[in-house]
Amino acid sequence: MTTGPATGPATDRFRVRRDVVPGVDAVLAESDRCFARHTHDQFGVGVILDGAQLSASGRGQVVGEAGDVITVNPGEVHDGAAIGGRARRWSMLYFAPDLVAAYGAEIGEGRWGAREFDRPVVSDRHLAGQVRSLIAAMEAGDGPGDGPGAFAAS
């Protein structure tokens, strides 16, 4: 298994959609870059659309392939490298922790403690379809941060 950047021209494209729903950012990415270990302040839920990646996570080393759901918790150290010498493409939704806590408390009728994703990669085609539908709704939405129907270049 080969990891790392693809040979030839580098691929590094990111589009971000903010403020369709306050506290939620949508990201569409395509990259052959090896991302060093880093964290995010938000919860992330997404789908690998094409290609595959090897990633360190809070649960150890994982492989995500096209069609897999991927998750990250706030403050979770992770990285990512393309597999197979070609770029991978993925879409993510990033949720502000206070938004997740507020909805969790409402749904749990006040019984909501600390929560986190316990699986960095989930191979579930039905769930992946639901996540893709939610991301598509964000892309098509008309929010205060961007014009309707298009991700903002980032």
C-alpha atoms as a PDB file:
ATOM      1  CA  MET A   1       0.000   0.000   0.000  1.00  0.00           C
ATOM      2  CA  THR A   2       1.458   3.379  -1.031  1.00  0.00           C
ATOM      3  CA  THR A   3       0.777   6.441   1.058  1.00  0.00           C
ATOM      4  CA  GLY A   4       1.700  10.041   0.443  1.00  0.00           C
ATOM      5  CA  PRO A   5       1.275  12.578  -2.303  1.00  0.00           C
ATOM      6  CA  ALA A   6       0.566  11.488  -5.832  1.00  0.00           C
ATOM      7  CA  THR A   7       3.199  11.963  -8.475  1.00  0.00           C
ATOM      8  CA  GLY A   8       2.633  14.744 -10.978  1.00  0.00           C
ATOM      9  CA  PRO A   9       0.809  18.004 -10.320  1.00  0.00           C
ATOM     10  CA  ALA A  10      -0.384  18.456  -6.738  1.00  0.00           C
ATOM     11  CA  THR A  11      -4.120  18.404  -6.093  1.00  0.00           C
ATOM     12  CA  ASP A  12      -5.354  20.679  -3.328  1.00  0.00           C
ATOM     13  CA  ARG A  13      -8.888  22.067  -3.663  1.00  0.00           C
ATOM     14  CA  PHE A  14     -11.180  23.139  -0.847  1.00  0.00           C
ATOM     15  CA  ARG A  15     -14.623  24.753  -0.926  1.00  0.00           C
ATOM     16  CA  VAL A  16     -16.344  25.920   2.240  1.00  0.00           C
ATOM     17  CA  ARG A  17     -19.982  26.823   2.881  1.00  0.00           C
ATOM     18  CA  ARG A  18     -20.648  28.685   6.136  1.00  0.00           C
ATOM     19  CA  ASP A  19     -23.699  30.004   7.932  1.00  0.00           C
ATOM     20  CA  VAL A  20     -26.494  28.240   6.070  1.00  0.00           C
ATOM     21  CA  VAL A  21     -27.162  26.844   9.514  1.00  0.00           C
ATOM     22  CA  PRO A  22     -25.472  28.840  12.290  1.00  0.00           C
ATOM     23  CA  GLY A  23     -22.744  26.747  13.899  1.00  0.00           C
ATOM     24  CA  VAL A  24     -22.350  24.372  10.928  1.00  0.00           C
ATOM     25  CA  ASP A  25     -19.704  24.557   8.187  1.00  0.00           C
ATOM     26  CA  ALA A  26     -19.717  22.363   5.078  1.00  0.00           C
ATOM     27  CA  VAL A  27     -16.425  21.522   3.348  1.00  0.00           C
ATOM     28  CA  LEU A  28     -15.783  19.804   0.022  1.00  0.00           C
ATOM     29  CA  ALA A  29     -12.126  18.826  -0.392  1.00  0.00           C
ATOM     30  CA  GLU A  30      -9.895  17.073  -2.881  1.00  0.00           C
ATOM     31  CA  SER A  31      -6.245  16.647  -2.040  1.00  0.00           C
ATOM     32  CA  ASP A  32      -3.240  14.411  -2.399  1.00  0.00           C
ATOM     33  CA  ARG A  33      -1.544  16.291   0.434  1.00  0.00           C
ATOM     34  CA  CYS A  34      -0.319  14.515   3.556  1.00  0.00           C
ATOM     35  CA  PHE A  35      -1.853  16.438   6.442  1.00  0.00           C
ATOM     36  CA  ALA A  36       0.323  16.600   9.563  1.00  0.00           C
ATOM     37  CA  ARG A  37      -1.258  15.867  12.932  1.00  0.00           C
ATOM     38  CA  HIS A  38      -3.760  18.564  13.826  1.00  0.00           C
ATOM     39  CA  THR A  39      -7.088  19.145  15.585  1.00  0.00           C
ATOM     40  CA  HIS A  40     -10.398  20.885  14.918  1.00  0.00           C
ATOM     41  CA  ASP A  41     -12.528  22.799  17.411  1.00  0.00           C
ATOM     42  CA  GLN A  42     -15.731  21.220  16.056  1.00  0.00           C
ATOM     43  CA  PHE A  43     -17.321  17.821  15.658  1.00  0.00           C
ATOM     44  CA  GLY A  44     -16.853  16.602  12.081  1.00  0.00           C
ATOM     45  CA  VAL A  45     -18.974  14.130  10.110  1.00  0.00           C
ATOM     46  CA  GLY A  46     -18.348  13.424   6.458  1.00  0.00           C
ATOM     47  CA  VAL A  47     -18.033  10.966   3.598  1.00  0.00           C
ATOM     48  CA  ILE A  48     -15.078   9.938   1.476  1.00  0.00           C
ATOM     49  CA  LEU A  49     -16.381  10.413  -2.059  1.00  0.00           C
ATOM     50  CA  ASP A  50     -13.419   9.073  -4.027  1.00  0.00           C
ATOM     51  CA  GLY A  51     -10.068   7.487  -3.263  1.00  0.00           C
ATOM     52  CA  ALA A  52      -8.873   6.419   0.160  1.00  0.00           C
ATOM     53  CA  GLN A  53      -6.804   7.678   3.063  1.00  0.00           C
ATOM     54  CA  LEU A  54      -4.720   6.403   5.935  1.00  0.00           C
ATOM     55  CA  SER A  55      -5.220   8.407   9.101  1.00  0.00           C
ATOM     56  CA  ALA A  56      -4.125   8.462  12.711  1.00  0.00           C
ATOM     57  CA  SER A  57      -7.059   9.088  15.034  1.00  0.00           C
ATOM     58  CA  GLY A  58      -7.909   9.088  18.709  1.00  0.00           C
ATOM     59  CA  ARG A  59      -8.732   5.392  18.233  1.00  0.00           C
ATOM     60  CA  GLY A  60      -5.510   4.431  16.423  1.00  0.00           C
ATOM     61  CA  GLN A  61      -4.571   4.075  12.765  1.00  0.00           C
ATOM     62  CA  VAL A  62      -7.543   3.758  10.388  1.00  0.00           C
ATOM     63  CA  VAL A  63      -8.199   3.452   6.670  1.00  0.00           C
ATOM     64  CA  GLY A  64     -11.140   5.221   5.056  1.00  0.00           C
ATOM     65  CA  GLU A  65     -12.271   4.361   1.538  1.00  0.00           C
ATOM     66  CA  ALA A  66     -14.774   5.778  -0.925  1.00  0.00           C
ATOM     67  CA  GLY A  67     -18.254   5.437   0.547  1.00  0.00           C
ATOM     68  CA  ASP A  68     -17.109   5.413   4.187  1.00  0.00           C
ATOM     69  CA  VAL A  69     -18.403   7.870   6.776  1.00  0.00           C
ATOM     70  CA  ILE A  70     -15.587   9.640   8.644  1.00  0.00           C
ATOM     71  CA  THR A  71     -15.801  11.439  11.978  1.00  0.00           C
ATOM     72  CA  VAL A  72     -13.637  13.581  14.235  1.00  0.00           C
ATOM     73  CA  ASN A  73     -14.194  14.955  17.735  1.00  0.00           C
ATOM     74  CA  PRO A  74     -13.250  18.436  18.937  1.00  0.00           C
ATOM     75  CA  GLY A  75      -9.604  18.420  19.987  1.00  0.00           C
ATOM     76  CA  GLU A  76      -8.956  14.916  18.602  1.00  0.00           C
ATOM     77  CA  VAL A  77      -5.462  14.683  17.129  1.00  0.00           C
ATOM     78  CA  HIS A  78      -5.541  13.195  13.635  1.00  0.00           C
ATOM     79  CA  ASP A  79      -3.738  13.333  10.311  1.00  0.00           C
ATOM     80  CA  GLY A  80      -4.343  12.009   6.815  1.00  0.00           C
ATOM     81  CA  ALA A  81      -2.488  10.705   3.778  1.00  0.00           C
ATOM     82  CA  ALA A  82      -3.799   9.630   0.398  1.00  0.00           C
ATOM     83  CA  ILE A  83      -3.512   5.935  -0.439  1.00  0.00           C
ATOM     84  CA  GLY A  84      -2.627   4.523  -3.821  1.00  0.00           C
ATOM     85  CA  GLY A  85      -0.776   7.496  -5.247  1.00  0.00           C
ATOM     86  CA  ARG A  86      -3.862   9.549  -6.067  1.00  0.00           C
ATOM     87  CA  ALA A  87      -5.904  12.302  -4.481  1.00  0.00           C
ATOM     88  CA  ARG A  88      -8.894  11.523  -2.310  1.00  0.00           C
ATOM     89  CA  ARG A  89     -12.091  13.580  -2.301  1.00  0.00           C
ATOM     90  CA  TRP A  90     -14.325  14.045   0.731  1.00  0.00           C
ATOM     91  CA  SER A  91     -17.137  16.177   2.102  1.00  0.00           C
ATOM     92  CA  MET A  92     -17.476  17.152   5.763  1.00  0.00           C
ATOM     93  CA  LEU A  93     -19.897  18.952   8.036  1.00  0.00           C
ATOM     94  CA  TYR A  94     -18.329  20.612  11.069  1.00  0.00           C
ATOM     95  CA  PHE A  95     -20.669  21.273  14.005  1.00  0.00           C
ATOM     96  CA  ALA A  96     -19.920  23.753  16.807  1.00  0.00           C
ATOM     97  CA  PRO A  97     -19.741  21.853  20.130  1.00  0.00           C
ATOM     98  CA  ASP A  98     -22.253  24.205  21.801  1.00  0.00           C
ATOM     99  CA  LEU A  99     -24.749  23.491  19.005  1.00  0.00           C
ATOM    100  CA  VAL A 100     -24.325  19.732  19.472  1.00  0.00           C
ATOM    101  CA  ALA A 101     -24.676  20.117  23.261  1.00  0.00           C
ATOM    102  CA  ALA A 102     -27.834  22.251  22.922  1.00  0.00           C
ATOM    103  CA  TYR A 103     -29.552  19.794  20.574  1.00  0.00           C
ATOM    104  CA  GLY A 104     -28.325  16.847  22.622  1.00  0.00           C
ATOM    105  CA  ALA A 105     -29.792  18.335  25.796  1.00  0.00           C
ATOM    106  CA  GLU A 106     -33.080  18.997  24.017  1.00  0.00           C
ATOM    107  CA  ILE A 107     -33.288  15.509  22.520  1.00  0.00           C
ATOM    108  CA  GLY A 108     -32.118  13.882  25.751  1.00  0.00           C
ATOM    109  CA  GLU A 109     -34.595  15.924  27.783  1.00  0.00           C
ATOM    110  CA  GLY A 110     -31.798  17.434  29.838  1.00  0.00           C
ATOM    111  CA  ARG A 111     -29.909  14.155  30.302  1.00  0.00           C
ATOM    112  CA  TRP A 112     -26.931  14.905  28.082  1.00  0.00           C
ATOM    113  CA  GLY A 113     -23.359  14.424  29.236  1.00  0.00           C
ATOM    114  CA  ALA A 114     -20.072  14.583  27.406  1.00  0.00           C
ATOM    115  CA  ARG A 115     -20.412  12.858  24.039  1.00  0.00           C
ATOM    116  CA  GLU A 116     -18.011  11.942  21.282  1.00  0.00           C
ATOM    117  CA  PHE A 117     -17.812   9.819  18.165  1.00  0.00           C
ATOM    118  CA  ASP A 118     -16.277   6.455  19.014  1.00  0.00           C
ATOM    119  CA  ARG A 119     -15.639   5.312  15.415  1.00  0.00           C
ATOM    120  CA  PRO A 120     -13.433   7.446  13.139  1.00  0.00           C
ATOM    121  CA  VAL A 121     -14.485   5.374  10.102  1.00  0.00           C
ATOM    122  CA  VAL A 122     -17.910   3.801   9.614  1.00  0.00           C
ATOM    123  CA  SER A 123     -18.552   1.530   6.620  1.00  0.00           C
ATOM    124  CA  ASP A 124     -22.310   1.926   6.290  1.00  0.00           C
ATOM    125  CA  ARG A 125     -23.658   2.809   2.820  1.00  0.00           C
ATOM    126  CA  HIS A 126     -27.079   3.832   4.160  1.00  0.00           C
ATOM    127  CA  LEU A 127     -25.566   6.220   6.724  1.00  0.00           C
ATOM    128  CA  ALA A 128     -23.177   7.563   4.076  1.00  0.00           C
ATOM    129  CA  GLY A 129     -26.156   8.344   1.835  1.00  0.00           C
ATOM    130  CA  GLN A 130     -27.855  10.235   4.651  1.00  0.00           C
ATOM    131  CA  VAL A 131     -24.705  12.258   5.349  1.00  0.00           C
ATOM    132  CA  ARG A 132     -24.308  13.035   1.623  1.00  0.00           C
ATOM    133  CA  SER A 133     -27.951  14.210   1.520  1.00  0.00           C
ATOM    134  CA  LEU A 134     -27.407  16.499   4.491  1.00  0.00           C
ATOM    135  CA  ILE A 135     -24.269  17.968   2.902  1.00  0.00           C
ATOM    136  CA  ALA A 136     -26.139  18.491  -0.397  1.00  0.00           C
ATOM    137  CA  ALA A 137     -28.888  20.348   1.482  1.00  0.00           C
ATOM    138  CA  MET A 138     -26.232  22.590   3.030  1.00  0.00           C
ATOM    139  CA  GLU A 139     -24.718  23.236  -0.389  1.00  0.00           C
ATOM    140  CA  ALA A 140     -28.084  24.168  -1.882  1.00  0.00           C
ATOM    141  CA  GLY A 141     -29.194  26.237   1.123  1.00  0.00           C
ATOM    142  CA  ASP A 142     -29.501  29.997   1.175  1.00  0.00           C
ATOM    143  CA  GLY A 143     -27.772  31.258   4.289  1.00  0.00           C
ATOM    144  CA  PRO A 144     -26.559  34.659   5.414  1.00  0.00           C
ATOM    145  CA  GLY A 145     -22.879  33.818   4.807  1.00  0.00           C
ATOM    146  CA  ASP A 146     -22.927  32.939   1.088  1.00  0.00           C
ATOM    147  CA  GLY A 147     -25.041  33.146  -2.021  1.00  0.00           C
ATOM    148  CA  PRO A 148     -27.459  30.310  -2.778  1.00  0.00           C
ATOM    149  CA  GLY A 149     -26.278  27.051  -4.264  1.00  0.00           C
ATOM    150  CA  ALA A 150     -22.505  27.462  -4.330  1.00  0.00           C
ATOM    151  CA  PHE A 151     -19.713  26.709  -1.942  1.00  0.00           C
ATOM    152  CA  ALA A 152     -17.454  29.684  -1.253  1.00  0.00           C
ATOM    153  CA  ALA A 153     -13.876  29.251  -2.447  1.00  0.00           C
ATOM    154  CA  SER A 154     -11.446  28.895   0.396  1.00  0.00           C
END
